């Protein structure tokens, strides 16, 4: 199998999502690897990480972290929401209108991908990253945007 230069990702289009529907979608997208975890357990893992720092990273975009040793491969889910989703911050009273969600699904024990994950985190602070992300249409254009 040829090695990828980018972190594997899956692009998902959604019309409208509630917080619960988002957690169900994440659960579905990470099957069969996370079949031992319920939607509620996945939500709890994401919410525990959200307590550490705000997940809103600007320009209608949120970065959620799901860290579990049950994953056999690290990946990113990129979810584009047509009708913006209201998201209440766990860090305070702020509520955001979200149109893009990046879910960083990682197993910290898989050290081979940690360099690519660090590259993605660095890319997130680049000024034009969000513009490129919002303009990307489909898998091939996203592959050009992601490290």
C-alpha atoms as a PDB file:
ATOM      1  CA  UNK A   1       0.000   0.000   0.000  1.00  0.00           C
ATOM      2  CA  UNK A   2       1.398   3.379  -1.010  1.00  0.00           C
ATOM      3  CA  UNK A   3       2.092   5.774   1.859  1.00  0.00           C
ATOM      4  CA  UNK A   4      -0.019   8.939   2.057  1.00  0.00           C
ATOM      5  CA  UNK A   5       1.598  12.313   2.703  1.00  0.00           C
ATOM      6  CA  UNK A   6      -1.504  13.571   4.474  1.00  0.00           C
ATOM      7  CA  UNK A   7      -3.470  12.407   7.455  1.00  0.00           C
ATOM      8  CA  UNK A   8      -6.338  10.198   6.212  1.00  0.00           C
ATOM      9  CA  UNK A   9      -9.617  12.079   6.189  1.00  0.00           C
ATOM     10  CA  UNK A  10     -13.248  11.674   5.318  1.00  0.00           C
ATOM     11  CA  UNK A  11     -15.333  14.565   4.001  1.00  0.00           C
ATOM     12  CA  UNK A  12     -18.986  14.592   5.036  1.00  0.00           C
ATOM     13  CA  UNK A  13     -21.769  16.928   3.895  1.00  0.00           C
ATOM     14  CA  UNK A  14     -24.704  17.531   6.246  1.00  0.00           C
ATOM     15  CA  UNK A  15     -27.695  19.808   5.883  1.00  0.00           C
ATOM     16  CA  UNK A  16     -28.490  20.335   9.538  1.00  0.00           C
ATOM     17  CA  UNK A  17     -27.162  18.754  12.747  1.00  0.00           C
ATOM     18  CA  UNK A  18     -27.936  18.946  16.435  1.00  0.00           C
ATOM     19  CA  UNK A  19     -25.213  18.149  18.977  1.00  0.00           C
ATOM     20  CA  UNK A  20     -26.699  14.658  19.502  1.00  0.00           C
ATOM     21  CA  UNK A  21     -26.932  14.036  15.744  1.00  0.00           C
ATOM     22  CA  UNK A  22     -23.285  15.084  15.415  1.00  0.00           C
ATOM     23  CA  UNK A  23     -22.238  12.516  18.014  1.00  0.00           C
ATOM     24  CA  UNK A  24     -24.257   9.814  16.214  1.00  0.00           C
ATOM     25  CA  UNK A  25     -22.601  10.791  12.918  1.00  0.00           C
ATOM     26  CA  UNK A  26     -19.112  10.589  14.450  1.00  0.00           C
ATOM     27  CA  UNK A  27     -19.968   7.194  15.958  1.00  0.00           C
ATOM     28  CA  UNK A  28     -21.195   5.917  12.578  1.00  0.00           C
ATOM     29  CA  UNK A  29     -18.168   7.197  10.678  1.00  0.00           C
ATOM     30  CA  UNK A  30     -15.703   5.474  12.989  1.00  0.00           C
ATOM     31  CA  UNK A  31     -17.256   2.019  12.728  1.00  0.00           C
ATOM     32  CA  UNK A  32     -16.403  -0.815  13.002  1.00  0.00           C
ATOM     33  CA  UNK A  33     -13.356   0.219  15.052  1.00  0.00           C
ATOM     34  CA  UNK A  34     -15.377   1.878  17.796  1.00  0.00           C
ATOM     35  CA  UNK A  35     -18.194  -0.644  17.942  1.00  0.00           C
ATOM     36  CA  UNK A  36     -17.376  -1.251  21.625  1.00  0.00           C
ATOM     37  CA  UNK A  37     -18.121   2.412  22.417  1.00  0.00           C
ATOM     38  CA  UNK A  38     -21.632   3.815  22.560  1.00  0.00           C
ATOM     39  CA  UNK A  39     -22.604   7.218  21.172  1.00  0.00           C
ATOM     40  CA  UNK A  40     -22.760   8.455  24.782  1.00  0.00           C
ATOM     41  CA  UNK A  41     -19.223   7.223  25.510  1.00  0.00           C
ATOM     42  CA  UNK A  42     -17.867   8.936  22.399  1.00  0.00           C
ATOM     43  CA  UNK A  43     -19.681  12.137  23.388  1.00  0.00           C
ATOM     44  CA  UNK A  44     -18.174  11.886  26.886  1.00  0.00           C
ATOM     45  CA  UNK A  45     -14.637  11.498  25.459  1.00  0.00           C
ATOM     46  CA  UNK A  46     -15.119  14.526  23.196  1.00  0.00           C
ATOM     47  CA  UNK A  47     -16.665  16.598  25.976  1.00  0.00           C
ATOM     48  CA  UNK A  48     -13.892  15.696  28.445  1.00  0.00           C
ATOM     49  CA  UNK A  49     -11.330  17.032  25.962  1.00  0.00           C
ATOM     50  CA  UNK A  50     -13.477  20.118  25.355  1.00  0.00           C
ATOM     51  CA  UNK A  51     -13.220  20.933  29.081  1.00  0.00           C
ATOM     52  CA  UNK A  52      -9.472  21.453  28.596  1.00  0.00           C
ATOM     53  CA  UNK A  53      -9.771  24.199  25.971  1.00  0.00           C
ATOM     54  CA  UNK A  54     -12.344  25.831  23.727  1.00  0.00           C
ATOM     55  CA  UNK A  55     -13.016  23.891  20.535  1.00  0.00           C
ATOM     56  CA  UNK A  56     -13.952  26.939  18.451  1.00  0.00           C
ATOM     57  CA  UNK A  57     -10.967  27.844  16.269  1.00  0.00           C
ATOM     58  CA  UNK A  58     -12.473  30.667  14.230  1.00  0.00           C
ATOM     59  CA  UNK A  59     -14.342  31.397  11.024  1.00  0.00           C
ATOM     60  CA  UNK A  60     -17.308  29.158  11.889  1.00  0.00           C
ATOM     61  CA  UNK A  61     -15.003  26.180  12.442  1.00  0.00           C
ATOM     62  CA  UNK A  62     -14.732  23.863  15.413  1.00  0.00           C
ATOM     63  CA  UNK A  63     -12.015  21.297  16.169  1.00  0.00           C
ATOM     64  CA  UNK A  64     -13.148  18.311  18.226  1.00  0.00           C
ATOM     65  CA  UNK A  65     -10.709  15.744  19.627  1.00  0.00           C
ATOM     66  CA  UNK A  66     -11.517  12.095  20.110  1.00  0.00           C
ATOM     67  CA  UNK A  67      -8.602  10.242  21.673  1.00  0.00           C
ATOM     68  CA  UNK A  68      -9.021   6.519  22.212  1.00  0.00           C
ATOM     69  CA  UNK A  69      -6.712   3.521  22.023  1.00  0.00           C
ATOM     70  CA  UNK A  70      -9.464   1.602  20.217  1.00  0.00           C
ATOM     71  CA  UNK A  71      -8.641   3.366  16.944  1.00  0.00           C
ATOM     72  CA  UNK A  72      -6.346   1.400  14.645  1.00  0.00           C
ATOM     73  CA  UNK A  73      -5.643   4.447  12.471  1.00  0.00           C
ATOM     74  CA  UNK A  74      -5.617   8.169  13.110  1.00  0.00           C
ATOM     75  CA  UNK A  75      -7.853  10.245  10.873  1.00  0.00           C
ATOM     76  CA  UNK A  76      -9.735  13.486  10.458  1.00  0.00           C
ATOM     77  CA  UNK A  77     -13.436  13.802   9.787  1.00  0.00           C
ATOM     78  CA  UNK A  78     -14.301  17.035   8.011  1.00  0.00           C
ATOM     79  CA  UNK A  79     -17.981  17.849   8.330  1.00  0.00           C
ATOM     80  CA  UNK A  80     -19.506  20.673   6.311  1.00  0.00           C
ATOM     81  CA  UNK A  81     -22.889  21.821   7.624  1.00  0.00           C
ATOM     82  CA  UNK A  82     -25.150  23.688   5.212  1.00  0.00           C
ATOM     83  CA  UNK A  83     -27.407  25.190   7.923  1.00  0.00           C
ATOM     84  CA  UNK A  84     -25.099  26.502  10.625  1.00  0.00           C
ATOM     85  CA  UNK A  85     -25.159  24.652  13.917  1.00  0.00           C
ATOM     86  CA  UNK A  86     -25.369  26.449  17.270  1.00  0.00           C
ATOM     87  CA  UNK A  87     -22.621  25.204  19.609  1.00  0.00           C
ATOM     88  CA  UNK A  88     -22.439  26.133  23.274  1.00  0.00           C
ATOM     89  CA  UNK A  89     -18.863  26.389  24.502  1.00  0.00           C
ATOM     90  CA  UNK A  90     -17.909  24.266  27.497  1.00  0.00           C
ATOM     91  CA  UNK A  91     -15.486  27.066  28.407  1.00  0.00           C
ATOM     92  CA  UNK A  92     -18.103  29.685  29.241  1.00  0.00           C
ATOM     93  CA  UNK A  93     -21.177  31.489  27.994  1.00  0.00           C
ATOM     94  CA  UNK A  94     -20.082  31.760  24.358  1.00  0.00           C
ATOM     95  CA  UNK A  95     -22.273  30.235  21.688  1.00  0.00           C
ATOM     96  CA  UNK A  96     -20.928  29.844  18.167  1.00  0.00           C
ATOM     97  CA  UNK A  97     -22.516  29.343  14.765  1.00  0.00           C
ATOM     98  CA  UNK A  98     -20.645  26.430  13.200  1.00  0.00           C
ATOM     99  CA  UNK A  99     -20.430  25.578   9.510  1.00  0.00           C
ATOM    100  CA  UNK A 100     -17.338  23.327   9.566  1.00  0.00           C
ATOM    101  CA  UNK A 101     -16.286  20.705  12.085  1.00  0.00           C
ATOM    102  CA  UNK A 102     -12.952  18.949  12.083  1.00  0.00           C
ATOM    103  CA  UNK A 103     -12.895  15.828  14.229  1.00  0.00           C
ATOM    104  CA  UNK A 104      -9.379  14.747  15.052  1.00  0.00           C
ATOM    105  CA  UNK A 105      -9.789  11.044  15.860  1.00  0.00           C
ATOM    106  CA  UNK A 106      -6.520   9.793  17.261  1.00  0.00           C
ATOM    107  CA  UNK A 107      -4.872   6.994  19.128  1.00  0.00           C
ATOM    108  CA  UNK A 108      -1.869   8.579  20.856  1.00  0.00           C
ATOM    109  CA  UNK A 109      -0.157   5.170  20.791  1.00  0.00           C
ATOM    110  CA  UNK A 110       0.145   5.369  16.992  1.00  0.00           C
ATOM    111  CA  UNK A 111       3.306   7.456  16.973  1.00  0.00           C
ATOM    112  CA  UNK A 112       3.820   7.180  13.198  1.00  0.00           C
ATOM    113  CA  UNK A 113       1.048   9.707  12.519  1.00  0.00           C
ATOM    114  CA  UNK A 114       1.904  12.185  15.268  1.00  0.00           C
ATOM    115  CA  UNK A 115       4.109  14.212  12.905  1.00  0.00           C
ATOM    116  CA  UNK A 116       1.234  14.605  10.455  1.00  0.00           C
ATOM    117  CA  UNK A 117      -1.113  15.539  13.291  1.00  0.00           C
ATOM    118  CA  UNK A 118       1.328  18.231  14.424  1.00  0.00           C
ATOM    119  CA  UNK A 119       1.499  19.487  10.805  1.00  0.00           C
ATOM    120  CA  UNK A 120      -2.293  19.748  10.725  1.00  0.00           C
ATOM    121  CA  UNK A 121      -2.343  21.665  14.005  1.00  0.00           C
ATOM    122  CA  UNK A 122       0.272  24.070  12.623  1.00  0.00           C
ATOM    123  CA  UNK A 123      -1.732  24.474   9.416  1.00  0.00           C
ATOM    124  CA  UNK A 124      -4.813  25.488  11.421  1.00  0.00           C
ATOM    125  CA  UNK A 125      -3.163  28.736  12.490  1.00  0.00           C
ATOM    126  CA  UNK A 126      -2.229  29.778   8.959  1.00  0.00           C
ATOM    127  CA  UNK A 127      -4.204  32.804   7.851  1.00  0.00           C
ATOM    128  CA  UNK A 128      -5.471  31.366   4.565  1.00  0.00           C
ATOM    129  CA  UNK A 129      -6.196  27.821   5.801  1.00  0.00           C
ATOM    130  CA  UNK A 130      -9.873  28.465   6.519  1.00  0.00           C
ATOM    131  CA  UNK A 131     -10.423  30.182   3.179  1.00  0.00           C
ATOM    132  CA  UNK A 132      -8.882  27.164   1.439  1.00  0.00           C
ATOM    133  CA  UNK A 133     -10.943  24.780   3.563  1.00  0.00           C
ATOM    134  CA  UNK A 134     -14.185  26.632   2.806  1.00  0.00           C
ATOM    135  CA  UNK A 135     -13.411  26.758  -0.926  1.00  0.00           C
ATOM    136  CA  UNK A 136     -12.364  23.119  -1.254  1.00  0.00           C
ATOM    137  CA  UNK A 137     -14.961  21.028  -3.043  1.00  0.00           C
ATOM    138  CA  UNK A 138     -14.472  17.322  -2.597  1.00  0.00           C
ATOM    139  CA  UNK A 139     -11.747  14.938  -1.562  1.00  0.00           C
ATOM    140  CA  UNK A 140      -9.045  15.885  -4.075  1.00  0.00           C
ATOM    141  CA  UNK A 141      -9.136  19.605  -3.303  1.00  0.00           C
ATOM    142  CA  UNK A 142      -9.144  18.858   0.435  1.00  0.00           C
ATOM    143  CA  UNK A 143      -6.102  16.630   0.010  1.00  0.00           C
ATOM    144  CA  UNK A 144      -4.282  19.646  -1.447  1.00  0.00           C
ATOM    145  CA  UNK A 145      -5.256  21.804   1.576  1.00  0.00           C
ATOM    146  CA  UNK A 146      -4.382  19.295   4.289  1.00  0.00           C
ATOM    147  CA  UNK A 147      -0.769  18.571   5.233  1.00  0.00           C
END
